[in-house]
């Protein structure tokens, strides 16, 4: 069985552009996790692409070094594989367009439908859709149109941003008004800042059914108004697993087409969960799942797509794993 793994940031997707250090670091973590676990599961026919600026990775896999653009070659790499794995950012419709190409040219694509990706990629659209379904989600508005009421400040970010990209905390309303005028046409959204514990959950979804894989703590840093993620505590918040599972079920019930791994960010306030955003792709927390659960999560995801059935996941014996970013 031939596997093709494409991690956009490290795999040449930004040829000719700057390589953001944080995104490279997170991309390497996710790519190496998938690659190592495929090898551990007994698969040896694995190929991937690598940006020439990063060099080869230390693993037993066929590596295509990307010198310039890989658009012409990508569909061939996909077509030659039996299983295609994709890790890419939602920004500028990148993930959805790549998913369309993987579905069009591949045999088995491990990922969500382009429609589900496009809904989740937009924080504004996700907020509108799920709030209509009475799901507790942060008030999200287009920056420049309106400012939500807040006594604790605001967060602004790109509507389709990833990894804390261009995410800022603004405490002064006058300054926010000035920034809103500047960023009005830059696809930014504004949300009220919520004091609470930053959390996320990792999910395995297939055929509009879902399994909870982990309940995570997010360690968020505020420095010079910039919001960034410094670490993730995989399965450090198991005391909220029932509430997280209920939220996961509600999300999948209202947005069809998710498949494979997805991540969900949220804030916990007084033991209640407020949804922030959905990441319809692999996230950095994935790197700690197998160790936390005592299994090979990549093999479990692959078997789900091959057998077309979700497995039972038991979090009873899960152990906390810290991932520093």
C-alpha atoms as a PDB file:
ATOM      1  CA  UNK A   1       0.000   0.000   0.000  1.00  0.00           C
ATOM      2  CA  UNK A   2       1.547   3.273  -1.181  1.00  0.00           C
ATOM      3  CA  UNK A   3       1.210   6.368   1.010  1.00  0.00           C
ATOM      4  CA  UNK A   4       1.769   9.971  -0.053  1.00  0.00           C
ATOM      5  CA  UNK A   5       2.135  12.574   2.690  1.00  0.00           C
ATOM      6  CA  UNK A   6       1.915  16.267   1.848  1.00  0.00           C
ATOM      7  CA  UNK A   7       2.589  18.767   4.607  1.00  0.00           C
ATOM      8  CA  UNK A   8       2.112  22.147   2.918  1.00  0.00           C
ATOM      9  CA  UNK A   9       4.554  24.302   4.897  1.00  0.00           C
ATOM     10  CA  UNK A  10       7.526  21.907   4.978  1.00  0.00           C
ATOM     11  CA  UNK A  11       6.618  20.189   1.713  1.00  0.00           C
ATOM     12  CA  UNK A  12       7.188  23.058  -0.710  1.00  0.00           C
ATOM     13  CA  UNK A  13       3.839  24.783  -0.587  1.00  0.00           C
ATOM     14  CA  UNK A  14       5.574  28.094   0.150  1.00  0.00           C
ATOM     15  CA  UNK A  15       8.290  27.857  -2.509  1.00  0.00           C
ATOM     16  CA  UNK A  16       9.383  31.362  -3.402  1.00  0.00           C
ATOM     17  CA  UNK A  17       7.832  32.767  -0.214  1.00  0.00           C
ATOM     18  CA  UNK A  18       9.039  33.236   3.345  1.00  0.00           C
ATOM     19  CA  UNK A  19       8.886  30.230   5.672  1.00  0.00           C
ATOM     20  CA  UNK A  20       7.281  31.311   8.983  1.00  0.00           C
ATOM     21  CA  UNK A  21       9.340  29.766  11.778  1.00  0.00           C
ATOM     22  CA  UNK A  22       6.381  28.844  13.980  1.00  0.00           C
ATOM     23  CA  UNK A  23       4.433  27.189  11.162  1.00  0.00           C
ATOM     24  CA  UNK A  24       7.533  25.272  10.045  1.00  0.00           C
ATOM     25  CA  UNK A  25       8.045  23.994  13.588  1.00  0.00           C
ATOM     26  CA  UNK A  26       4.413  22.882  13.944  1.00  0.00           C
ATOM     27  CA  UNK A  27       4.397  21.393  10.434  1.00  0.00           C
ATOM     28  CA  UNK A  28       7.519  19.355  11.195  1.00  0.00           C
ATOM     29  CA  UNK A  29       5.945  18.030  14.403  1.00  0.00           C
ATOM     30  CA  UNK A  30       2.776  16.855  12.627  1.00  0.00           C
ATOM     31  CA  UNK A  31       4.558  15.468   9.560  1.00  0.00           C
ATOM     32  CA  UNK A  32       7.109  13.522  11.605  1.00  0.00           C
ATOM     33  CA  UNK A  33       4.345  12.085  13.787  1.00  0.00           C
ATOM     34  CA  UNK A  34       2.386  10.779  10.801  1.00  0.00           C
ATOM     35  CA  UNK A  35       5.512   9.471   9.100  1.00  0.00           C
ATOM     36  CA  UNK A  36       6.908   7.709  12.163  1.00  0.00           C
ATOM     37  CA  UNK A  37       3.582   6.109  13.028  1.00  0.00           C
ATOM     38  CA  UNK A  38       3.042   4.849   9.480  1.00  0.00           C
ATOM     39  CA  UNK A  39       6.474   3.224   9.644  1.00  0.00           C
ATOM     40  CA  UNK A  40       5.696   1.782  13.093  1.00  0.00           C
ATOM     41  CA  UNK A  41       2.478   0.340  11.656  1.00  0.00           C
ATOM     42  CA  UNK A  42       4.534  -1.615   9.122  1.00  0.00           C
ATOM     43  CA  UNK A  43       4.188   0.569   6.045  1.00  0.00           C
ATOM     44  CA  UNK A  44       7.365   1.135   4.054  1.00  0.00           C
ATOM     45  CA  UNK A  45       6.179   2.533   0.700  1.00  0.00           C
ATOM     46  CA  UNK A  46       5.846   6.150   1.787  1.00  0.00           C
ATOM     47  CA  UNK A  47       6.641   9.298  -0.189  1.00  0.00           C
ATOM     48  CA  UNK A  48       6.544  12.974   0.669  1.00  0.00           C
ATOM     49  CA  UNK A  49       7.698  16.356  -0.585  1.00  0.00           C
ATOM     50  CA  UNK A  50      10.252  18.638   1.097  1.00  0.00           C
ATOM     51  CA  UNK A  51      10.997  22.316   0.630  1.00  0.00           C
ATOM     52  CA  UNK A  52      14.593  22.578  -0.604  1.00  0.00           C
ATOM     53  CA  UNK A  53      15.385  25.133   2.116  1.00  0.00           C
ATOM     54  CA  UNK A  54      14.709  22.549   4.832  1.00  0.00           C
ATOM     55  CA  UNK A  55      16.574  19.608   3.379  1.00  0.00           C
ATOM     56  CA  UNK A  56      15.639  15.960   3.792  1.00  0.00           C
ATOM     57  CA  UNK A  57      14.023  14.625   6.932  1.00  0.00           C
ATOM     58  CA  UNK A  58      15.526  11.711   8.813  1.00  0.00           C
ATOM     59  CA  UNK A  59      13.119   8.927   7.959  1.00  0.00           C
ATOM     60  CA  UNK A  60      12.810   5.970   5.648  1.00  0.00           C
ATOM     61  CA  UNK A  61      10.627   7.561   2.987  1.00  0.00           C
ATOM     62  CA  UNK A  62      10.997   8.642  -0.624  1.00  0.00           C
ATOM     63  CA  UNK A  63      11.462  12.396  -0.572  1.00  0.00           C
ATOM     64  CA  UNK A  64      10.806  14.708  -3.500  1.00  0.00           C
ATOM     65  CA  UNK A  65      12.809  17.903  -2.989  1.00  0.00           C
ATOM     66  CA  UNK A  66      10.780  20.862  -4.251  1.00  0.00           C
ATOM     67  CA  UNK A  67      12.981  23.374  -6.046  1.00  0.00           C
ATOM     68  CA  UNK A  68      10.300  25.737  -7.332  1.00  0.00           C
ATOM     69  CA  UNK A  69       6.539  25.203  -7.743  1.00  0.00           C
ATOM     70  CA  UNK A  70       5.145  21.687  -7.321  1.00  0.00           C
ATOM     71  CA  UNK A  71       1.699  22.280  -8.850  1.00  0.00           C
ATOM     72  CA  UNK A  72       2.423  20.192 -11.959  1.00  0.00           C
ATOM     73  CA  UNK A  73       3.952  17.295 -10.028  1.00  0.00           C
ATOM     74  CA  UNK A  74       1.538  17.204  -7.113  1.00  0.00           C
ATOM     75  CA  UNK A  75      -1.337  15.535  -8.947  1.00  0.00           C
ATOM     76  CA  UNK A  76       1.047  12.799 -10.134  1.00  0.00           C
ATOM     77  CA  UNK A  77       2.271  12.113  -6.595  1.00  0.00           C
ATOM     78  CA  UNK A  78      -1.345  11.854  -5.442  1.00  0.00           C
ATOM     79  CA  UNK A  79      -2.381   9.660  -8.349  1.00  0.00           C
ATOM     80  CA  UNK A  80       0.489   7.234  -7.804  1.00  0.00           C
ATOM     81  CA  UNK A  81      -0.515   6.611  -4.186  1.00  0.00           C
ATOM     82  CA  UNK A  82      -3.181   4.393  -2.640  1.00  0.00           C
ATOM     83  CA  UNK A  83      -3.561   6.591   0.459  1.00  0.00           C
ATOM     84  CA  UNK A  84      -3.102  10.364   0.446  1.00  0.00           C
ATOM     85  CA  UNK A  85      -2.545  12.372   3.639  1.00  0.00           C
ATOM     86  CA  UNK A  86      -2.839  16.154   3.668  1.00  0.00           C
ATOM     87  CA  UNK A  87      -1.741  18.752   6.217  1.00  0.00           C
ATOM     88  CA  UNK A  88      -2.296  22.337   5.082  1.00  0.00           C
ATOM     89  CA  UNK A  89      -3.546  25.710   6.366  1.00  0.00           C
ATOM     90  CA  UNK A  90      -7.077  26.929   5.714  1.00  0.00           C
ATOM     91  CA  UNK A  91      -5.800  30.398   4.744  1.00  0.00           C
ATOM     92  CA  UNK A  92      -6.843  31.724   1.306  1.00  0.00           C
ATOM     93  CA  UNK A  93      -8.869  28.560   0.618  1.00  0.00           C
ATOM     94  CA  UNK A  94      -5.609  26.579   0.468  1.00  0.00           C
ATOM     95  CA  UNK A  95      -6.795  23.484   2.366  1.00  0.00           C
ATOM     96  CA  UNK A  96     -10.156  23.248   0.562  1.00  0.00           C
ATOM     97  CA  UNK A  97      -8.579  23.580  -2.896  1.00  0.00           C
ATOM     98  CA  UNK A  98      -5.958  20.969  -2.072  1.00  0.00           C
ATOM     99  CA  UNK A  99      -8.666  18.647  -0.724  1.00  0.00           C
ATOM    100  CA  UNK A 100     -10.480  18.970  -4.047  1.00  0.00           C
ATOM    101  CA  UNK A 101      -7.295  18.024  -5.881  1.00  0.00           C
ATOM    102  CA  UNK A 102      -6.608  15.088  -3.566  1.00  0.00           C
ATOM    103  CA  UNK A 103     -10.172  13.810  -4.017  1.00  0.00           C
ATOM    104  CA  UNK A 104     -10.033  14.294  -7.784  1.00  0.00           C
ATOM    105  CA  UNK A 105      -6.667  12.599  -8.331  1.00  0.00           C
ATOM    106  CA  UNK A 106      -6.376  10.146  -5.452  1.00  0.00           C
ATOM    107  CA  UNK A 107      -7.867   6.845  -4.406  1.00  0.00           C
ATOM    108  CA  UNK A 108      -8.366   7.227  -0.639  1.00  0.00           C
ATOM    109  CA  UNK A 109      -8.068  10.733   0.800  1.00  0.00           C
ATOM    110  CA  UNK A 110      -7.669  11.040   4.574  1.00  0.00           C
ATOM    111  CA  UNK A 111      -9.531  14.278   5.206  1.00  0.00           C
ATOM    112  CA  UNK A 112     -12.763  16.259   5.262  1.00  0.00           C
ATOM    113  CA  UNK A 113     -14.918  17.389   2.365  1.00  0.00           C
ATOM    114  CA  UNK A 114     -14.124  20.773   0.766  1.00  0.00           C
ATOM    115  CA  UNK A 115     -17.536  22.060   1.860  1.00  0.00           C
ATOM    116  CA  UNK A 116     -16.946  21.228   5.536  1.00  0.00           C
ATOM    117  CA  UNK A 117     -13.441  22.679   5.317  1.00  0.00           C
ATOM    118  CA  UNK A 118     -14.721  25.966   3.893  1.00  0.00           C
ATOM    119  CA  UNK A 119     -17.319  26.338   6.624  1.00  0.00           C
ATOM    120  CA  UNK A 120     -14.839  25.619   9.411  1.00  0.00           C
ATOM    121  CA  UNK A 121     -12.114  27.737   7.788  1.00  0.00           C
ATOM    122  CA  UNK A 122     -14.246  30.853   8.243  1.00  0.00           C
ATOM    123  CA  UNK A 123     -14.569  31.861  11.877  1.00  0.00           C
ATOM    124  CA  UNK A 124     -17.400  34.204  10.889  1.00  0.00           C
ATOM    125  CA  UNK A 125     -19.380  31.560   9.014  1.00  0.00           C
ATOM    126  CA  UNK A 126     -18.813  28.960  11.745  1.00  0.00           C
ATOM    127  CA  UNK A 127     -20.037  31.383  14.406  1.00  0.00           C
ATOM    128  CA  UNK A 128     -23.177  32.285  12.469  1.00  0.00           C
ATOM    129  CA  UNK A 129     -24.079  28.699  11.611  1.00  0.00           C
ATOM    130  CA  UNK A 130     -23.504  27.202  15.053  1.00  0.00           C
ATOM    131  CA  UNK A 131     -25.033  30.079  16.998  1.00  0.00           C
ATOM    132  CA  UNK A 132     -28.214  29.519  14.975  1.00  0.00           C
ATOM    133  CA  UNK A 133     -28.067  25.924  16.250  1.00  0.00           C
ATOM    134  CA  UNK A 134     -27.926  27.236  19.844  1.00  0.00           C
ATOM    135  CA  UNK A 135     -24.329  26.140  20.333  1.00  0.00           C
ATOM    136  CA  UNK A 136     -22.397  28.342  22.761  1.00  0.00           C
ATOM    137  CA  UNK A 137     -19.852  30.010  20.463  1.00  0.00           C
ATOM    138  CA  UNK A 138     -17.950  33.276  20.768  1.00  0.00           C
ATOM    139  CA  UNK A 139     -19.565  36.311  19.129  1.00  0.00           C
ATOM    140  CA  UNK A 140     -17.611  36.858  15.897  1.00  0.00           C
ATOM    141  CA  UNK A 141     -18.005  39.862  13.610  1.00  0.00           C
ATOM    142  CA  UNK A 142     -16.294  41.350  10.590  1.00  0.00           C
ATOM    143  CA  UNK A 143     -13.709  43.883  11.744  1.00  0.00           C
ATOM    144  CA  UNK A 144     -14.837  47.327  10.635  1.00  0.00           C
ATOM    145  CA  UNK A 145     -18.550  46.559  10.503  1.00  0.00           C
ATOM    146  CA  UNK A 146     -19.380  46.368  14.177  1.00  0.00           C
ATOM    147  CA  UNK A 147     -17.633  45.940  17.527  1.00  0.00           C
ATOM    148  CA  UNK A 148     -19.135  43.427  19.989  1.00  0.00           C
ATOM    149  CA  UNK A 149     -19.739  44.622  23.530  1.00  0.00           C
ATOM    150  CA  UNK A 150     -16.871  43.705  25.866  1.00  0.00           C
ATOM    151  CA  UNK A 151     -15.573  44.857  29.241  1.00  0.00           C
ATOM    152  CA  UNK A 152     -12.381  42.790  28.940  1.00  0.00           C
ATOM    153  CA  UNK A 153     -10.974  43.766  25.542  1.00  0.00           C
ATOM    154  CA  UNK A 154     -11.078  42.197  22.099  1.00  0.00           C
ATOM    155  CA  UNK A 155      -9.189  39.724  19.935  1.00  0.00           C
ATOM    156  CA  UNK A 156      -8.692  40.371  16.235  1.00  0.00           C
ATOM    157  CA  UNK A 157      -7.438  37.794  13.752  1.00  0.00           C
ATOM    158  CA  UNK A 158      -7.791  36.792  10.084  1.00  0.00           C
ATOM    159  CA  UNK A 159     -11.120  35.101   9.399  1.00  0.00           C
ATOM    160  CA  UNK A 160      -9.271  32.093   7.948  1.00  0.00           C
ATOM    161  CA  UNK A 161      -6.035  32.363   9.917  1.00  0.00           C
ATOM    162  CA  UNK A 162      -4.209  29.402  11.465  1.00  0.00           C
ATOM    163  CA  UNK A 163      -1.817  28.765  14.339  1.00  0.00           C
ATOM    164  CA  UNK A 164      -2.373  32.100  16.063  1.00  0.00           C
ATOM    165  CA  UNK A 165      -1.362  33.830  12.817  1.00  0.00           C
ATOM    166  CA  UNK A 166      -1.740  37.639  13.144  1.00  0.00           C
ATOM    167  CA  UNK A 167      -3.802  37.216  16.323  1.00  0.00           C
ATOM    168  CA  UNK A 168      -3.840  40.329  18.531  1.00  0.00           C
ATOM    169  CA  UNK A 169      -5.347  41.343  21.864  1.00  0.00           C
ATOM    170  CA  UNK A 170      -6.645  44.923  21.986  1.00  0.00           C
ATOM    171  CA  UNK A 171      -7.728  46.367  25.316  1.00  0.00           C
ATOM    172  CA  UNK A 172      -8.594  49.932  24.278  1.00  0.00           C
ATOM    173  CA  UNK A 173     -11.743  50.575  22.235  1.00  0.00           C
ATOM    174  CA  UNK A 174     -10.404  53.745  20.632  1.00  0.00           C
ATOM    175  CA  UNK A 175      -7.333  51.885  19.436  1.00  0.00           C
ATOM    176  CA  UNK A 176      -9.542  49.067  18.195  1.00  0.00           C
ATOM    177  CA  UNK A 177     -11.596  51.573  16.181  1.00  0.00           C
ATOM    178  CA  UNK A 178      -8.408  52.886  14.548  1.00  0.00           C
ATOM    179  CA  UNK A 179      -7.224  49.363  13.760  1.00  0.00           C
ATOM    180  CA  UNK A 180     -10.648  48.459  12.402  1.00  0.00           C
ATOM    181  CA  UNK A 181     -10.403  51.288   9.886  1.00  0.00           C
ATOM    182  CA  UNK A 182      -6.952  50.064   8.834  1.00  0.00           C
ATOM    183  CA  UNK A 183      -7.841  46.348   8.572  1.00  0.00           C
ATOM    184  CA  UNK A 184     -11.437  46.703   7.364  1.00  0.00           C
ATOM    185  CA  UNK A 185     -10.739  45.152   3.972  1.00  0.00           C
ATOM    186  CA  UNK A 186      -8.136  42.610   5.137  1.00  0.00           C
ATOM    187  CA  UNK A 187     -10.514  39.759   5.977  1.00  0.00           C
ATOM    188  CA  UNK A 188     -10.145  40.237   9.746  1.00  0.00           C
ATOM    189  CA  UNK A 189     -12.723  39.414  12.405  1.00  0.00           C
ATOM    190  CA  UNK A 190     -13.155  40.726  15.929  1.00  0.00           C
ATOM    191  CA  UNK A 191     -14.249  38.766  18.995  1.00  0.00           C
ATOM    192  CA  UNK A 192     -14.730  39.810  22.630  1.00  0.00           C
ATOM    193  CA  UNK A 193     -11.856  38.612  24.788  1.00  0.00           C
ATOM    194  CA  UNK A 194     -13.051  35.972  27.244  1.00  0.00           C
ATOM    195  CA  UNK A 195     -11.254  35.333  30.523  1.00  0.00           C
ATOM    196  CA  UNK A 196     -11.004  31.594  31.088  1.00  0.00           C
ATOM    197  CA  UNK A 197      -8.933  28.465  30.460  1.00  0.00           C
ATOM    198  CA  UNK A 198      -7.880  27.922  26.865  1.00  0.00           C
ATOM    199  CA  UNK A 199      -8.637  24.377  25.788  1.00  0.00           C
ATOM    200  CA  UNK A 200      -9.012  22.223  22.703  1.00  0.00           C
ATOM    201  CA  UNK A 201     -10.281  18.779  21.844  1.00  0.00           C
ATOM    202  CA  UNK A 202      -9.084  16.300  19.252  1.00  0.00           C
ATOM    203  CA  UNK A 203     -11.730  14.369  17.349  1.00  0.00           C
ATOM    204  CA  UNK A 204     -11.934  11.462  14.934  1.00  0.00           C
ATOM    205  CA  UNK A 205     -14.895  11.854  12.580  1.00  0.00           C
ATOM    206  CA  UNK A 206     -16.319   9.529   9.947  1.00  0.00           C
ATOM    207  CA  UNK A 207     -19.702   9.377   8.221  1.00  0.00           C
ATOM    208  CA  UNK A 208     -21.109  12.130  10.475  1.00  0.00           C
ATOM    209  CA  UNK A 209     -20.213  10.196  13.614  1.00  0.00           C
ATOM    210  CA  UNK A 210     -17.516  11.234  16.072  1.00  0.00           C
ATOM    211  CA  UNK A 211     -15.109   9.940  18.697  1.00  0.00           C
ATOM    212  CA  UNK A 212     -13.388  12.097  21.312  1.00  0.00           C
ATOM    213  CA  UNK A 213      -9.626  11.475  21.293  1.00  0.00           C
ATOM    214  CA  UNK A 214      -8.353  14.029  23.780  1.00  0.00           C
ATOM    215  CA  UNK A 215      -9.259  16.948  26.049  1.00  0.00           C
ATOM    216  CA  UNK A 216      -6.387  19.415  25.936  1.00  0.00           C
ATOM    217  CA  UNK A 217      -5.118  22.437  27.813  1.00  0.00           C
ATOM    218  CA  UNK A 218      -3.697  25.242  25.665  1.00  0.00           C
ATOM    219  CA  UNK A 219      -0.946  27.414  27.114  1.00  0.00           C
ATOM    220  CA  UNK A 220      -1.473  30.831  25.544  1.00  0.00           C
ATOM    221  CA  UNK A 221       1.018  33.685  25.816  1.00  0.00           C
ATOM    222  CA  UNK A 222       0.206  37.403  25.543  1.00  0.00           C
ATOM    223  CA  UNK A 223       3.221  39.564  24.658  1.00  0.00           C
ATOM    224  CA  UNK A 224       3.062  43.082  23.212  1.00  0.00           C
ATOM    225  CA  UNK A 225      -0.593  42.509  22.261  1.00  0.00           C
ATOM    226  CA  UNK A 226       0.347  39.395  20.258  1.00  0.00           C
ATOM    227  CA  UNK A 227      -1.436  36.163  21.175  1.00  0.00           C
ATOM    228  CA  UNK A 228       0.526  32.939  20.655  1.00  0.00           C
ATOM    229  CA  UNK A 229       0.467  29.311  21.712  1.00  0.00           C
ATOM    230  CA  UNK A 230       3.507  28.078  23.674  1.00  0.00           C
ATOM    231  CA  UNK A 231       2.448  24.535  24.604  1.00  0.00           C
ATOM    232  CA  UNK A 232      -0.382  21.999  24.533  1.00  0.00           C
ATOM    233  CA  UNK A 233      -1.263  19.630  27.338  1.00  0.00           C
ATOM    234  CA  UNK A 234      -2.798  16.632  25.590  1.00  0.00           C
ATOM    235  CA  UNK A 235      -5.486  15.016  27.762  1.00  0.00           C
ATOM    236  CA  UNK A 236      -4.852  17.346  30.687  1.00  0.00           C
ATOM    237  CA  UNK A 237      -8.563  18.249  30.870  1.00  0.00           C
ATOM    238  CA  UNK A 238     -10.279  14.878  31.044  1.00  0.00           C
ATOM    239  CA  UNK A 239     -12.598  16.166  33.769  1.00  0.00           C
ATOM    240  CA  UNK A 240     -14.529  17.883  30.949  1.00  0.00           C
ATOM    241  CA  UNK A 241     -14.702  14.884  28.610  1.00  0.00           C
ATOM    242  CA  UNK A 242     -18.488  14.497  28.865  1.00  0.00           C
ATOM    243  CA  UNK A 243     -19.106  18.143  28.034  1.00  0.00           C
ATOM    244  CA  UNK A 244     -16.556  18.051  25.240  1.00  0.00           C
ATOM    245  CA  UNK A 245     -18.172  14.949  23.773  1.00  0.00           C
ATOM    246  CA  UNK A 246     -21.580  16.645  23.861  1.00  0.00           C
ATOM    247  CA  UNK A 247     -20.139  19.673  22.067  1.00  0.00           C
ATOM    248  CA  UNK A 248     -18.392  17.469  19.498  1.00  0.00           C
ATOM    249  CA  UNK A 249     -21.651  15.661  18.737  1.00  0.00           C
ATOM    250  CA  UNK A 250     -23.463  18.973  18.267  1.00  0.00           C
ATOM    251  CA  UNK A 251     -20.781  20.263  15.873  1.00  0.00           C
ATOM    252  CA  UNK A 252     -20.810  17.147  13.701  1.00  0.00           C
ATOM    253  CA  UNK A 253     -24.620  17.128  13.697  1.00  0.00           C
ATOM    254  CA  UNK A 254     -24.714  20.659  12.314  1.00  0.00           C
ATOM    255  CA  UNK A 255     -21.786  20.558   9.864  1.00  0.00           C
ATOM    256  CA  UNK A 256     -21.690  17.444   7.708  1.00  0.00           C
ATOM    257  CA  UNK A 257     -18.659  16.293   5.768  1.00  0.00           C
ATOM    258  CA  UNK A 258     -15.959  16.232   8.413  1.00  0.00           C
ATOM    259  CA  UNK A 259     -13.764  13.137   8.170  1.00  0.00           C
ATOM    260  CA  UNK A 260     -10.572  12.016   9.832  1.00  0.00           C
ATOM    261  CA  UNK A 261      -8.887  14.142  12.463  1.00  0.00           C
ATOM    262  CA  UNK A 262     -10.167  17.613  13.398  1.00  0.00           C
ATOM    263  CA  UNK A 263      -9.336  19.944  16.267  1.00  0.00           C
ATOM    264  CA  UNK A 264     -11.662  22.293  18.134  1.00  0.00           C
ATOM    265  CA  UNK A 265     -10.563  25.300  20.206  1.00  0.00           C
ATOM    266  CA  UNK A 266     -12.603  26.583  23.129  1.00  0.00           C
ATOM    267  CA  UNK A 267     -12.584  28.534  26.389  1.00  0.00           C
ATOM    268  CA  UNK A 268     -13.717  27.044  29.700  1.00  0.00           C
ATOM    269  CA  UNK A 269     -15.498  29.496  32.001  1.00  0.00           C
ATOM    270  CA  UNK A 270     -17.075  28.311  35.258  1.00  0.00           C
ATOM    271  CA  UNK A 271     -17.128  24.710  33.989  1.00  0.00           C
ATOM    272  CA  UNK A 272     -18.910  25.708  30.774  1.00  0.00           C
ATOM    273  CA  UNK A 273     -17.401  25.529  27.288  1.00  0.00           C
ATOM    274  CA  UNK A 274     -17.464  28.390  24.780  1.00  0.00           C
ATOM    275  CA  UNK A 275     -16.472  27.355  21.260  1.00  0.00           C
ATOM    276  CA  UNK A 276     -13.849  29.502  19.527  1.00  0.00           C
ATOM    277  CA  UNK A 277     -13.096  27.789  16.229  1.00  0.00           C
ATOM    278  CA  UNK A 278     -12.842  24.481  14.373  1.00  0.00           C
ATOM    279  CA  UNK A 279      -9.655  23.297  12.664  1.00  0.00           C
ATOM    280  CA  UNK A 280     -10.649  20.834   9.893  1.00  0.00           C
ATOM    281  CA  UNK A 281      -7.171  19.298   9.718  1.00  0.00           C
ATOM    282  CA  UNK A 282      -4.371  17.810  11.780  1.00  0.00           C
ATOM    283  CA  UNK A 283      -3.247  20.049  14.642  1.00  0.00           C
ATOM    284  CA  UNK A 284      -0.135  20.011  16.796  1.00  0.00           C
ATOM    285  CA  UNK A 285      -1.971  18.136  19.561  1.00  0.00           C
ATOM    286  CA  UNK A 286      -1.944  15.104  17.266  1.00  0.00           C
ATOM    287  CA  UNK A 287       1.715  14.573  18.106  1.00  0.00           C
ATOM    288  CA  UNK A 288       0.837  13.545  21.671  1.00  0.00           C
ATOM    289  CA  UNK A 289      -2.210  11.365  21.062  1.00  0.00           C
ATOM    290  CA  UNK A 290      -0.601   7.977  20.547  1.00  0.00           C
ATOM    291  CA  UNK A 291       1.580   8.293  23.634  1.00  0.00           C
ATOM    292  CA  UNK A 292      -1.350   9.559  25.695  1.00  0.00           C
ATOM    293  CA  UNK A 293      -3.697   6.762  24.618  1.00  0.00           C
ATOM    294  CA  UNK A 294      -1.121   3.969  24.349  1.00  0.00           C
ATOM    295  CA  UNK A 295      -1.864   3.203  20.693  1.00  0.00           C
ATOM    296  CA  UNK A 296      -0.893   4.094  17.135  1.00  0.00           C
ATOM    297  CA  UNK A 297      -3.423   6.807  16.286  1.00  0.00           C
ATOM    298  CA  UNK A 298      -2.316   7.074  12.661  1.00  0.00           C
ATOM    299  CA  UNK A 299      -3.080   3.376  12.149  1.00  0.00           C
ATOM    300  CA  UNK A 300      -6.456   3.831  13.855  1.00  0.00           C
ATOM    301  CA  UNK A 301      -7.348   6.687  11.501  1.00  0.00           C
ATOM    302  CA  UNK A 302      -6.187   4.705   8.476  1.00  0.00           C
ATOM    303  CA  UNK A 303      -8.186   1.642   9.553  1.00  0.00           C
ATOM    304  CA  UNK A 304     -11.255   3.856   9.974  1.00  0.00           C
ATOM    305  CA  UNK A 305     -11.094   4.860   6.305  1.00  0.00           C
ATOM    306  CA  UNK A 306     -10.258   1.347   5.102  1.00  0.00           C
ATOM    307  CA  UNK A 307     -12.953  -0.378   7.158  1.00  0.00           C
ATOM    308  CA  UNK A 308     -15.390   2.582   6.914  1.00  0.00           C
ATOM    309  CA  UNK A 309     -16.211   2.335  10.580  1.00  0.00           C
ATOM    310  CA  UNK A 310     -15.219   4.298  13.670  1.00  0.00           C
ATOM    311  CA  UNK A 311     -13.493   2.380  16.474  1.00  0.00           C
ATOM    312  CA  UNK A 312     -14.315   2.657  20.165  1.00  0.00           C
ATOM    313  CA  UNK A 313     -11.983   5.052  21.985  1.00  0.00           C
ATOM    314  CA  UNK A 314     -11.483   4.665  25.735  1.00  0.00           C
ATOM    315  CA  UNK A 315     -10.049   7.682  27.542  1.00  0.00           C
ATOM    316  CA  UNK A 316     -10.086   6.006  30.961  1.00  0.00           C
ATOM    317  CA  UNK A 317      -6.392   5.155  30.930  1.00  0.00           C
ATOM    318  CA  UNK A 318      -5.245   8.248  29.008  1.00  0.00           C
ATOM    319  CA  UNK A 319      -2.188  10.006  30.430  1.00  0.00           C
ATOM    320  CA  UNK A 320      -1.336  13.703  30.049  1.00  0.00           C
ATOM    321  CA  UNK A 321       1.372  14.600  27.530  1.00  0.00           C
ATOM    322  CA  UNK A 322       2.891  18.081  27.209  1.00  0.00           C
ATOM    323  CA  UNK A 323       3.948  19.349  23.758  1.00  0.00           C
ATOM    324  CA  UNK A 324       6.082  22.492  23.694  1.00  0.00           C
ATOM    325  CA  UNK A 325       5.879  24.557  20.524  1.00  0.00           C
END
